[in-house]
Amino acid sequence: MAKDFCKEYNSKYQNRHHFNRPVIGFSIVVLLLCLLVSFLDKVSREQYWKQFYNMKSKLYNSIKAEEQYNNENIKSISIIVTDSNDNIYGRNKKLKIKVDICVSIKADVDKLSILDQYQILNQYDNELSSLIYNIFSNSEIKQFVEDTNKEDGTGYKYKEIEIYPIVKFKSLHWEYEVGKYIYLTKKRKGSTDEIKYTRDEVYGISKPSYSQKVYKPKMPYEGMKESYINFTELGSATEVEKCRDFYKLRMDHRSITYRWYRDGYRFPYVVATVYYDDNGEGYVAYVIKYDN
């Protein structure tokens, strides 16, 4: 009896052991595969970021080299490159590169007519901006982001990369900016007073407008900088709405609509729409006032 029991027990034990062996082996294989995938993913990430930062460093050095840009009216150029990340819809990672170009110009420019000032500074603005765009367009990092984005399913790689050159000018006593809607803005150093020249004012058809940040106009006006839009007698806008696919559009195709409502009214009584120039500077393009 005891012999039969031992024989039956050994038979059951051997069968159970035989059944568990492939299960344990399969679990080990799965574990090893998971570890391998994790290791390869880590290596891939490290390799991606190493290449990315090396290329970004090369791009920044190439941009900084444009400080040697020379012209008869230019004394020196200082370039500061910064970047920031935008995560659009959670996964579409975007790198925004901002290039601040400060051009120190000779005092002779201050003595020129407004039209001559605009034409000279606008030429430098276009040339410097084009140089930066060309460097960026031909950079390794731009092609790298476009290529790796096509094959990416992880979400950690960059989906987009954009560059925004912003050119400002300064002389011994004045600071200048050129733009798309406001052709020329100038102010004395240390002052908040700005003189704004639209196209008609640059070409002498009408007189320039003066504006101060502390001054509160009744409502936004065409050509007003976006940074001033909430400093009118209307106060801050009740509603701010970005255009559709705002972050997917080129900078000069983007717009934001500001609306002001009266208490108890469902419809706005003032609407101002802001558009952006190539440098990312926002200006009020048009204003609508409703009689409600």
C-alpha atoms as a PDB file:
ATOM      1  CA  MET A   1       0.000   0.000   0.000  1.00  0.00           C
ATOM      2  CA  ALA A   2       2.765   2.404   0.978  1.00  0.00           C
ATOM      3  CA  LYS A   3       4.676   1.479  -2.186  1.00  0.00           C
ATOM      4  CA  ASP A   4       1.622   2.243  -4.356  1.00  0.00           C
ATOM      5  CA  PHE A   5       1.136   5.622  -2.622  1.00  0.00           C
ATOM      6  CA  CYS A   6       4.790   6.638  -3.174  1.00  0.00           C
ATOM      7  CA  LYS A   7       4.587   5.569  -6.804  1.00  0.00           C
ATOM      8  CA  GLU A   8       1.406   7.615  -7.347  1.00  0.00           C
ATOM      9  CA  TYR A   9       2.889  10.661  -5.561  1.00  0.00           C
ATOM     10  CA  ASN A  10       6.112  10.564  -7.596  1.00  0.00           C
ATOM     11  CA  SER A  11       4.096  10.270 -10.798  1.00  0.00           C
ATOM     12  CA  LYS A  12       1.985  13.365  -9.915  1.00  0.00           C
ATOM     13  CA  TYR A  13       5.023  15.377  -8.831  1.00  0.00           C
ATOM     14  CA  GLN A  14       6.906  14.568 -12.026  1.00  0.00           C
ATOM     15  CA  ASN A  15       3.905  15.489 -14.164  1.00  0.00           C
ATOM     16  CA  ARG A  16       3.469  18.805 -12.340  1.00  0.00           C
ATOM     17  CA  HIS A  17       7.159  19.601 -12.613  1.00  0.00           C
ATOM     18  CA  HIS A  18       7.070  18.712 -16.277  1.00  0.00           C
ATOM     19  CA  PHE A  19       4.050  21.013 -16.800  1.00  0.00           C
ATOM     20  CA  ASN A  20       5.615  24.077 -15.058  1.00  0.00           C
ATOM     21  CA  ARG A  21       9.007  23.912 -16.740  1.00  0.00           C
ATOM     22  CA  PRO A  22       7.949  25.412 -20.131  1.00  0.00           C
ATOM     23  CA  VAL A  23       5.821  28.067 -18.365  1.00  0.00           C
ATOM     24  CA  ILE A  24       8.815  29.209 -16.315  1.00  0.00           C
ATOM     25  CA  GLY A  25      11.011  29.155 -19.399  1.00  0.00           C
ATOM     26  CA  PHE A  26       8.502  31.252 -21.370  1.00  0.00           C
ATOM     27  CA  SER A  27       8.281  33.791 -18.521  1.00  0.00           C
ATOM     28  CA  ILE A  28      12.051  34.142 -18.462  1.00  0.00           C
ATOM     29  CA  VAL A  29      12.123  34.706 -22.234  1.00  0.00           C
ATOM     30  CA  VAL A  30       9.409  37.379 -21.983  1.00  0.00           C
ATOM     31  CA  LEU A  31      11.261  39.092 -19.130  1.00  0.00           C
ATOM     32  CA  LEU A  32      14.501  39.080 -21.087  1.00  0.00           C
ATOM     33  CA  LEU A  33      12.744  40.490 -24.137  1.00  0.00           C
ATOM     34  CA  CYS A  34      11.215  43.290 -22.041  1.00  0.00           C
ATOM     35  CA  LEU A  35      14.611  44.118 -20.575  1.00  0.00           C
ATOM     36  CA  LEU A  36      16.145  44.104 -24.043  1.00  0.00           C
ATOM     37  CA  VAL A  37      13.436  46.413 -25.449  1.00  0.00           C
ATOM     38  CA  SER A  38      13.854  48.761 -22.481  1.00  0.00           C
ATOM     39  CA  PHE A  39      17.618  48.802 -22.935  1.00  0.00           C
ATOM     40  CA  LEU A  40      17.386  49.449 -26.684  1.00  0.00           C
ATOM     41  CA  ASP A  41      14.839  52.225 -26.097  1.00  0.00           C
ATOM     42  CA  LYS A  42      17.163  53.867 -23.568  1.00  0.00           C
ATOM     43  CA  VAL A  43      20.092  53.631 -25.989  1.00  0.00           C
ATOM     44  CA  SER A  44      17.926  55.074 -28.784  1.00  0.00           C
ATOM     45  CA  ARG A  45      16.823  57.999 -26.620  1.00  0.00           C
ATOM     46  CA  GLU A  46      20.358  58.773 -25.493  1.00  0.00           C
ATOM     47  CA  GLN A  47      21.608  58.624 -29.068  1.00  0.00           C
ATOM     48  CA  TYR A  48      18.758  60.878 -30.261  1.00  0.00           C
ATOM     49  CA  TRP A  49      19.367  63.563 -27.631  1.00  0.00           C
ATOM     50  CA  LYS A  50      23.133  63.425 -28.121  1.00  0.00           C
ATOM     51  CA  GLN A  51      22.711  64.049 -31.850  1.00  0.00           C
ATOM     52  CA  PHE A  52      20.018  66.674 -31.231  1.00  0.00           C
ATOM     53  CA  TYR A  53      22.074  68.780 -28.811  1.00  0.00           C
ATOM     54  CA  ASN A  54      25.212  68.523 -30.939  1.00  0.00           C
ATOM     55  CA  MET A  55      23.288  69.809 -33.956  1.00  0.00           C
ATOM     56  CA  LYS A  56      21.599  72.525 -31.909  1.00  0.00           C
ATOM     57  CA  SER A  57      25.002  73.691 -30.674  1.00  0.00           C
ATOM     58  CA  LYS A  58      26.274  73.854 -34.271  1.00  0.00           C
ATOM     59  CA  LEU A  59      23.235  75.903 -35.318  1.00  0.00           C
ATOM     60  CA  TYR A  60      23.673  78.371 -32.452  1.00  0.00           C
ATOM     61  CA  ASN A  61      27.378  78.793 -33.239  1.00  0.00           C
ATOM     62  CA  SER A  62      26.557  79.451 -36.896  1.00  0.00           C
ATOM     63  CA  ILE A  63      23.995  82.073 -35.900  1.00  0.00           C
ATOM     64  CA  LYS A  64      26.381  83.755 -33.451  1.00  0.00           C
ATOM     65  CA  ALA A  65      28.964  83.963 -36.241  1.00  0.00           C
ATOM     66  CA  GLU A  66      26.685  86.488 -37.970  1.00  0.00           C
ATOM     67  CA  GLU A  67      27.790  89.040 -35.372  1.00  0.00           C
ATOM     68  CA  GLN A  68      30.586  89.668 -37.872  1.00  0.00           C
ATOM     69  CA  TYR A  69      28.043  91.014 -40.381  1.00  0.00           C
ATOM     70  CA  ASN A  70      29.352  94.403 -41.450  1.00  0.00           C
ATOM     71  CA  ASN A  71      28.049  97.506 -43.154  1.00  0.00           C
ATOM     72  CA  GLU A  72      29.075 101.148 -43.362  1.00  0.00           C
ATOM     73  CA  ASN A  73      26.316 102.262 -40.948  1.00  0.00           C
ATOM     74  CA  ILE A  74      26.739  99.418 -38.447  1.00  0.00           C
ATOM     75  CA  LYS A  75      29.119  99.613 -35.502  1.00  0.00           C
ATOM     76  CA  SER A  76      28.499  96.198 -33.978  1.00  0.00           C
ATOM     77  CA  ILE A  77      25.952  93.385 -33.665  1.00  0.00           C
ATOM     78  CA  SER A  78      25.010  91.358 -30.605  1.00  0.00           C
ATOM     79  CA  ILE A  79      23.034  88.129 -31.011  1.00  0.00           C
ATOM     80  CA  ILE A  80      21.320  86.210 -28.207  1.00  0.00           C
ATOM     81  CA  VAL A  81      19.768  82.822 -29.004  1.00  0.00           C
ATOM     82  CA  THR A  82      17.193  81.255 -26.674  1.00  0.00           C
ATOM     83  CA  ASP A  83      14.698  78.445 -27.066  1.00  0.00           C
ATOM     84  CA  SER A  84      11.536  77.152 -25.454  1.00  0.00           C
ATOM     85  CA  ASN A  85       9.280  74.103 -25.807  1.00  0.00           C
ATOM     86  CA  ASP A  86       5.626  73.918 -26.756  1.00  0.00           C
ATOM     87  CA  ASN A  87       3.698  70.696 -26.206  1.00  0.00           C
ATOM     88  CA  ILE A  88       0.753  70.872 -28.576  1.00  0.00           C
ATOM     89  CA  TYR A  89      -2.102  68.434 -27.975  1.00  0.00           C
ATOM     90  CA  GLY A  90       0.041  66.648 -25.388  1.00  0.00           C
ATOM     91  CA  ARG A  91       2.452  64.884 -27.755  1.00  0.00           C
ATOM     92  CA  ASN A  92       3.444  67.201 -30.575  1.00  0.00           C
ATOM     93  CA  LYS A  93       6.624  68.586 -29.109  1.00  0.00           C
ATOM     94  CA  LYS A  94       7.773  71.825 -30.732  1.00  0.00           C
ATOM     95  CA  LEU A  95      11.041  73.746 -30.317  1.00  0.00           C
ATOM     96  CA  LYS A  96      10.831  77.517 -30.748  1.00  0.00           C
ATOM     97  CA  ILE A  97      14.173  79.242 -31.298  1.00  0.00           C
ATOM     98  CA  LYS A  98      14.220  82.994 -30.685  1.00  0.00           C
ATOM     99  CA  VAL A  99      17.099  85.034 -32.100  1.00  0.00           C
ATOM    100  CA  ASP A 100      17.387  88.553 -30.621  1.00  0.00           C
ATOM    101  CA  ILE A 101      19.617  90.657 -32.859  1.00  0.00           C
ATOM    102  CA  CYS A 102      20.666  94.019 -31.444  1.00  0.00           C
ATOM    103  CA  VAL A 103      22.320  96.210 -34.079  1.00  0.00           C
ATOM    104  CA  SER A 104      24.353  99.185 -32.900  1.00  0.00           C
ATOM    105  CA  ILE A 105      24.244 101.796 -35.660  1.00  0.00           C
ATOM    106  CA  LYS A 106      26.265 104.955 -36.205  1.00  0.00           C
ATOM    107  CA  ALA A 107      24.878 108.310 -35.094  1.00  0.00           C
ATOM    108  CA  ASP A 108      24.771 109.473 -38.706  1.00  0.00           C
ATOM    109  CA  VAL A 109      21.553 107.478 -39.160  1.00  0.00           C
ATOM    110  CA  ASP A 110      19.813 109.719 -36.587  1.00  0.00           C
ATOM    111  CA  LYS A 111      20.344 112.706 -38.866  1.00  0.00           C
ATOM    112  CA  LEU A 112      18.635 111.133 -41.865  1.00  0.00           C
ATOM    113  CA  SER A 113      15.019 111.673 -42.891  1.00  0.00           C
ATOM    114  CA  ILE A 114      12.394 109.238 -41.620  1.00  0.00           C
ATOM    115  CA  LEU A 115      12.094 107.709 -45.094  1.00  0.00           C
ATOM    116  CA  ASP A 116      15.867 107.197 -45.346  1.00  0.00           C
ATOM    117  CA  GLN A 117      15.979 105.760 -41.819  1.00  0.00           C
ATOM    118  CA  TYR A 118      13.226 103.304 -42.645  1.00  0.00           C
ATOM    119  CA  GLN A 119      14.761 102.221 -45.957  1.00  0.00           C
ATOM    120  CA  ILE A 120      18.224 101.659 -44.460  1.00  0.00           C
ATOM    121  CA  LEU A 121      17.030  99.874 -41.313  1.00  0.00           C
ATOM    122  CA  ASN A 122      14.469  97.816 -43.218  1.00  0.00           C
ATOM    123  CA  GLN A 123      17.219  96.672 -45.572  1.00  0.00           C
ATOM    124  CA  TYR A 124      19.393  95.552 -42.640  1.00  0.00           C
ATOM    125  CA  ASP A 125      16.392  93.889 -40.988  1.00  0.00           C
ATOM    126  CA  ASN A 126      15.600  91.915 -44.142  1.00  0.00           C
ATOM    127  CA  GLU A 127      19.218  90.956 -44.753  1.00  0.00           C
ATOM    128  CA  LEU A 128      19.859  89.789 -41.184  1.00  0.00           C
ATOM    129  CA  SER A 129      16.541  87.947 -40.932  1.00  0.00           C
ATOM    130  CA  SER A 130      17.198  86.238 -44.275  1.00  0.00           C
ATOM    131  CA  LEU A 131      20.666  85.194 -43.125  1.00  0.00           C
ATOM    132  CA  ILE A 132      19.212  83.583 -40.005  1.00  0.00           C
ATOM    133  CA  TYR A 133      16.418  81.859 -41.960  1.00  0.00           C
ATOM    134  CA  ASN A 134      18.921  80.532 -44.518  1.00  0.00           C
ATOM    135  CA  ILE A 135      21.226  79.194 -41.817  1.00  0.00           C
ATOM    136  CA  PHE A 136      18.265  77.504 -40.167  1.00  0.00           C
ATOM    137  CA  SER A 137      16.829  76.118 -43.421  1.00  0.00           C
ATOM    138  CA  ASN A 138      20.140  74.483 -44.292  1.00  0.00           C
ATOM    139  CA  SER A 139      20.925  73.298 -40.770  1.00  0.00           C
ATOM    140  CA  GLU A 140      21.376  69.651 -39.835  1.00  0.00           C
ATOM    141  CA  ILE A 141      18.980  69.951 -36.913  1.00  0.00           C
ATOM    142  CA  LYS A 142      16.034  71.027 -39.089  1.00  0.00           C
ATOM    143  CA  GLN A 143      16.479  68.029 -41.384  1.00  0.00           C
ATOM    144  CA  PHE A 144      17.117  65.782 -38.379  1.00  0.00           C
ATOM    145  CA  VAL A 145      13.815  66.770 -36.710  1.00  0.00           C
ATOM    146  CA  GLU A 146      11.890  66.308 -39.964  1.00  0.00           C
ATOM    147  CA  ASP A 147      13.414  62.875 -40.614  1.00  0.00           C
ATOM    148  CA  THR A 148      13.075  61.494 -37.082  1.00  0.00           C
ATOM    149  CA  ASN A 149       9.535  62.838 -36.784  1.00  0.00           C
ATOM    150  CA  LYS A 150       8.404  60.620 -39.687  1.00  0.00           C
ATOM    151  CA  GLU A 151       9.467  57.438 -37.923  1.00  0.00           C
ATOM    152  CA  ASP A 152       8.602  58.434 -34.367  1.00  0.00           C
ATOM    153  CA  GLY A 153       5.941  56.596 -32.401  1.00  0.00           C
ATOM    154  CA  THR A 154       7.264  57.255 -28.905  1.00  0.00           C
ATOM    155  CA  GLY A 155       6.290  60.883 -28.298  1.00  0.00           C
ATOM    156  CA  TYR A 156       9.638  62.002 -26.840  1.00  0.00           C
ATOM    157  CA  LYS A 157      11.077  63.333 -30.101  1.00  0.00           C
ATOM    158  CA  TYR A 158      10.474  66.805 -31.482  1.00  0.00           C
ATOM    159  CA  LYS A 159       7.678  67.136 -34.035  1.00  0.00           C
ATOM    160  CA  GLU A 160       8.441  70.678 -35.157  1.00  0.00           C
ATOM    161  CA  ILE A 161      11.190  73.262 -34.978  1.00  0.00           C
ATOM    162  CA  GLU A 162      10.799  76.972 -35.835  1.00  0.00           C
ATOM    163  CA  ILE A 163      13.008  80.032 -35.653  1.00  0.00           C
ATOM    164  CA  TYR A 164      12.053  83.665 -34.955  1.00  0.00           C
ATOM    165  CA  PRO A 165      14.674  86.344 -35.653  1.00  0.00           C
ATOM    166  CA  ILE A 166      13.874  89.717 -34.039  1.00  0.00           C
ATOM    167  CA  VAL A 167      16.004  92.667 -35.117  1.00  0.00           C
ATOM    168  CA  LYS A 168      16.272  95.888 -33.078  1.00  0.00           C
ATOM    169  CA  PHE A 169      18.476  98.888 -33.685  1.00  0.00           C
ATOM    170  CA  LYS A 170      20.070 101.387 -31.343  1.00  0.00           C
ATOM    171  CA  SER A 171      22.222 104.438 -31.763  1.00  0.00           C
ATOM    172  CA  LEU A 172      23.780 106.692 -29.133  1.00  0.00           C
ATOM    173  CA  HIS A 173      20.439 108.354 -28.304  1.00  0.00           C
ATOM    174  CA  TRP A 174      17.698 106.422 -30.142  1.00  0.00           C
ATOM    175  CA  GLU A 175      16.203 102.943 -30.431  1.00  0.00           C
ATOM    176  CA  TYR A 176      14.487 101.759 -33.613  1.00  0.00           C
ATOM    177  CA  GLU A 177      12.300  98.890 -34.826  1.00  0.00           C
ATOM    178  CA  VAL A 178      10.866  98.207 -38.252  1.00  0.00           C
ATOM    179  CA  GLY A 179       7.715  96.165 -38.794  1.00  0.00           C
ATOM    180  CA  LYS A 180       4.932  95.130 -41.130  1.00  0.00           C
ATOM    181  CA  TYR A 181       1.988  97.262 -39.987  1.00  0.00           C
ATOM    182  CA  ILE A 182       3.948  99.958 -38.174  1.00  0.00           C
ATOM    183  CA  TYR A 183       6.762 100.628 -40.604  1.00  0.00           C
ATOM    184  CA  LEU A 184       9.058 102.358 -38.105  1.00  0.00           C
ATOM    185  CA  THR A 185       9.009 102.818 -34.319  1.00  0.00           C
ATOM    186  CA  LYS A 186      11.579 104.992 -32.591  1.00  0.00           C
ATOM    187  CA  LYS A 187      12.077 106.263 -29.067  1.00  0.00           C
ATOM    188  CA  ARG A 188      14.781 107.988 -27.082  1.00  0.00           C
ATOM    189  CA  LYS A 189      16.813 105.748 -24.820  1.00  0.00           C
ATOM    190  CA  GLY A 190      15.389 105.536 -21.317  1.00  0.00           C
ATOM    191  CA  SER A 191      12.006 106.907 -22.409  1.00  0.00           C
ATOM    192  CA  THR A 192       8.637 105.144 -22.725  1.00  0.00           C
ATOM    193  CA  ASP A 193       7.449 107.612 -25.372  1.00  0.00           C
ATOM    194  CA  GLU A 194       7.357 106.033 -28.813  1.00  0.00           C
ATOM    195  CA  ILE A 195       6.923 107.630 -32.205  1.00  0.00           C
ATOM    196  CA  LYS A 196       5.122 105.285 -34.582  1.00  0.00           C
ATOM    197  CA  TYR A 197       5.259 105.685 -38.344  1.00  0.00           C
ATOM    198  CA  THR A 198       2.836 103.880 -40.598  1.00  0.00           C
ATOM    199  CA  ARG A 199       3.456 103.635 -44.332  1.00  0.00           C
ATOM    200  CA  ASP A 200       1.747 106.997 -45.015  1.00  0.00           C
ATOM    201  CA  GLU A 201       3.721 108.651 -42.247  1.00  0.00           C
ATOM    202  CA  VAL A 202       7.033 107.229 -43.469  1.00  0.00           C
ATOM    203  CA  TYR A 203       6.349 108.550 -46.953  1.00  0.00           C
ATOM    204  CA  GLY A 204       5.205 111.937 -45.630  1.00  0.00           C
ATOM    205  CA  ILE A 205       1.508 111.579 -46.464  1.00  0.00           C
ATOM    206  CA  SER A 206       0.407 112.086 -42.832  1.00  0.00           C
ATOM    207  CA  LYS A 207       1.957 112.990 -39.483  1.00  0.00           C
ATOM    208  CA  PRO A 208       3.317 110.359 -37.045  1.00  0.00           C
ATOM    209  CA  SER A 209       1.426 109.293 -33.927  1.00  0.00           C
ATOM    210  CA  TYR A 210       2.862 109.432 -30.433  1.00  0.00           C
ATOM    211  CA  SER A 211       2.007 106.833 -27.816  1.00  0.00           C
ATOM    212  CA  GLN A 212       2.926 106.104 -24.227  1.00  0.00           C
ATOM    213  CA  LYS A 213       2.412 102.933 -22.285  1.00  0.00           C
ATOM    214  CA  VAL A 214       1.009 104.953 -19.372  1.00  0.00           C
ATOM    215  CA  TYR A 215      -1.453 106.798 -21.628  1.00  0.00           C
ATOM    216  CA  LYS A 216      -4.837 105.120 -21.976  1.00  0.00           C
ATOM    217  CA  PRO A 217      -6.610 105.619 -25.283  1.00  0.00           C
ATOM    218  CA  LYS A 218     -10.361 105.011 -25.325  1.00  0.00           C
ATOM    219  CA  MET A 219     -10.073 101.756 -27.232  1.00  0.00           C
ATOM    220  CA  PRO A 220      -7.591  99.743 -29.321  1.00  0.00           C
ATOM    221  CA  TYR A 221      -6.662 101.261 -32.665  1.00  0.00           C
ATOM    222  CA  GLU A 222      -5.200  99.898 -35.885  1.00  0.00           C
ATOM    223  CA  GLY A 223      -1.435  99.572 -35.625  1.00  0.00           C
ATOM    224  CA  MET A 224      -1.399  99.329 -31.807  1.00  0.00           C
ATOM    225  CA  LYS A 225       1.094  96.823 -30.379  1.00  0.00           C
ATOM    226  CA  GLU A 226      -0.542  93.769 -28.869  1.00  0.00           C
ATOM    227  CA  SER A 227       1.320  94.383 -25.598  1.00  0.00           C
ATOM    228  CA  TYR A 228      -0.690  97.626 -25.169  1.00  0.00           C
ATOM    229  CA  ILE A 229      -4.111  96.231 -26.024  1.00  0.00           C
ATOM    230  CA  ASN A 230      -5.256  95.744 -22.412  1.00  0.00           C
ATOM    231  CA  PHE A 231      -4.131  99.234 -21.359  1.00  0.00           C
ATOM    232  CA  THR A 232      -7.015 101.186 -22.917  1.00  0.00           C
ATOM    233  CA  GLU A 233     -10.033 102.627 -21.112  1.00  0.00           C
ATOM    234  CA  LEU A 234     -11.852  99.381 -21.925  1.00  0.00           C
ATOM    235  CA  GLY A 235      -9.520  97.474 -19.594  1.00  0.00           C
ATOM    236  CA  SER A 236      -8.572  93.855 -20.175  1.00  0.00           C
ATOM    237  CA  ALA A 237     -10.472  91.963 -22.852  1.00  0.00           C
ATOM    238  CA  THR A 238     -13.374  89.818 -21.678  1.00  0.00           C
ATOM    239  CA  GLU A 239     -12.563  87.053 -24.141  1.00  0.00           C
ATOM    240  CA  VAL A 240      -9.410  86.135 -26.057  1.00  0.00           C
ATOM    241  CA  GLU A 241      -9.574  83.594 -28.871  1.00  0.00           C
ATOM    242  CA  LYS A 242      -6.705  82.247 -30.973  1.00  0.00           C
ATOM    243  CA  CYS A 243      -7.318  81.368 -34.596  1.00  0.00           C
ATOM    244  CA  ARG A 244      -7.788  77.756 -35.614  1.00  0.00           C
ATOM    245  CA  ASP A 245      -4.553  75.707 -35.641  1.00  0.00           C
ATOM    246  CA  PHE A 246      -2.747  78.718 -34.178  1.00  0.00           C
ATOM    247  CA  TYR A 247       0.434  76.831 -33.319  1.00  0.00           C
ATOM    248  CA  LYS A 248       0.532  74.967 -36.623  1.00  0.00           C
ATOM    249  CA  LEU A 249       0.523  78.128 -38.737  1.00  0.00           C
ATOM    250  CA  ARG A 250       3.465  80.235 -39.790  1.00  0.00           C
ATOM    251  CA  MET A 251       3.956  83.224 -37.500  1.00  0.00           C
ATOM    252  CA  ASP A 252       2.776  85.768 -40.096  1.00  0.00           C
ATOM    253  CA  HIS A 253      -0.420  83.717 -40.680  1.00  0.00           C
ATOM    254  CA  ARG A 254      -1.529  83.670 -37.034  1.00  0.00           C
ATOM    255  CA  SER A 255      -4.153  85.876 -35.443  1.00  0.00           C
ATOM    256  CA  ILE A 256      -5.829  86.423 -32.072  1.00  0.00           C
ATOM    257  CA  THR A 257      -9.228  88.048 -31.550  1.00  0.00           C
ATOM    258  CA  TYR A 258      -9.917  90.148 -28.436  1.00  0.00           C
ATOM    259  CA  ARG A 259     -13.534  90.830 -27.426  1.00  0.00           C
ATOM    260  CA  TRP A 260     -15.024  93.189 -24.840  1.00  0.00           C
ATOM    261  CA  TYR A 261     -18.550  92.603 -23.469  1.00  0.00           C
ATOM    262  CA  ARG A 262     -20.841  94.859 -21.467  1.00  0.00           C
ATOM    263  CA  ASP A 263     -22.382  93.365 -18.348  1.00  0.00           C
ATOM    264  CA  GLY A 264     -25.547  91.459 -19.180  1.00  0.00           C
ATOM    265  CA  TYR A 265     -24.946  91.401 -22.941  1.00  0.00           C
ATOM    266  CA  ARG A 266     -24.399  88.228 -24.941  1.00  0.00           C
ATOM    267  CA  PHE A 267     -22.593  89.919 -27.811  1.00  0.00           C
ATOM    268  CA  PRO A 268     -19.363  91.950 -27.724  1.00  0.00           C
ATOM    269  CA  TYR A 269     -19.423  95.666 -28.342  1.00  0.00           C
ATOM    270  CA  VAL A 270     -15.744  95.952 -29.301  1.00  0.00           C
ATOM    271  CA  VAL A 271     -13.708  93.390 -31.273  1.00  0.00           C
ATOM    272  CA  ALA A 272     -10.022  93.781 -32.107  1.00  0.00           C
ATOM    273  CA  THR A 273      -8.027  91.328 -34.217  1.00  0.00           C
ATOM    274  CA  VAL A 274      -4.264  91.039 -33.906  1.00  0.00           C
ATOM    275  CA  TYR A 275      -1.969  89.730 -36.637  1.00  0.00           C
ATOM    276  CA  TYR A 276       1.726  88.954 -36.360  1.00  0.00           C
ATOM    277  CA  ASP A 277       4.679  89.918 -38.491  1.00  0.00           C
ATOM    278  CA  ASP A 278       7.565  87.626 -39.428  1.00  0.00           C
ATOM    279  CA  ASN A 279       9.380  88.592 -36.226  1.00  0.00           C
ATOM    280  CA  GLY A 280       6.519  87.477 -33.981  1.00  0.00           C
ATOM    281  CA  GLU A 281       5.433  91.031 -33.102  1.00  0.00           C
ATOM    282  CA  GLY A 282       1.650  91.383 -32.822  1.00  0.00           C
ATOM    283  CA  TYR A 283      -0.249  94.456 -34.072  1.00  0.00           C
ATOM    284  CA  VAL A 284      -3.941  95.306 -34.153  1.00  0.00           C
ATOM    285  CA  ALA A 285      -5.003  94.902 -37.793  1.00  0.00           C
ATOM    286  CA  TYR A 286      -8.593  96.112 -37.435  1.00  0.00           C
ATOM    287  CA  VAL A 287     -11.132  97.127 -34.761  1.00  0.00           C
ATOM    288  CA  ILE A 288     -14.928  96.830 -34.898  1.00  0.00           C
ATOM    289  CA  LYS A 289     -17.243  98.732 -32.507  1.00  0.00           C
ATOM    290  CA  TYR A 290     -20.901  97.680 -32.288  1.00  0.00           C
ATOM    291  CA  ASP A 291     -23.714  99.926 -31.069  1.00  0.00           C
ATOM    292  CA  ASN A 292     -25.295  97.589 -28.541  1.00  0.00           C
END
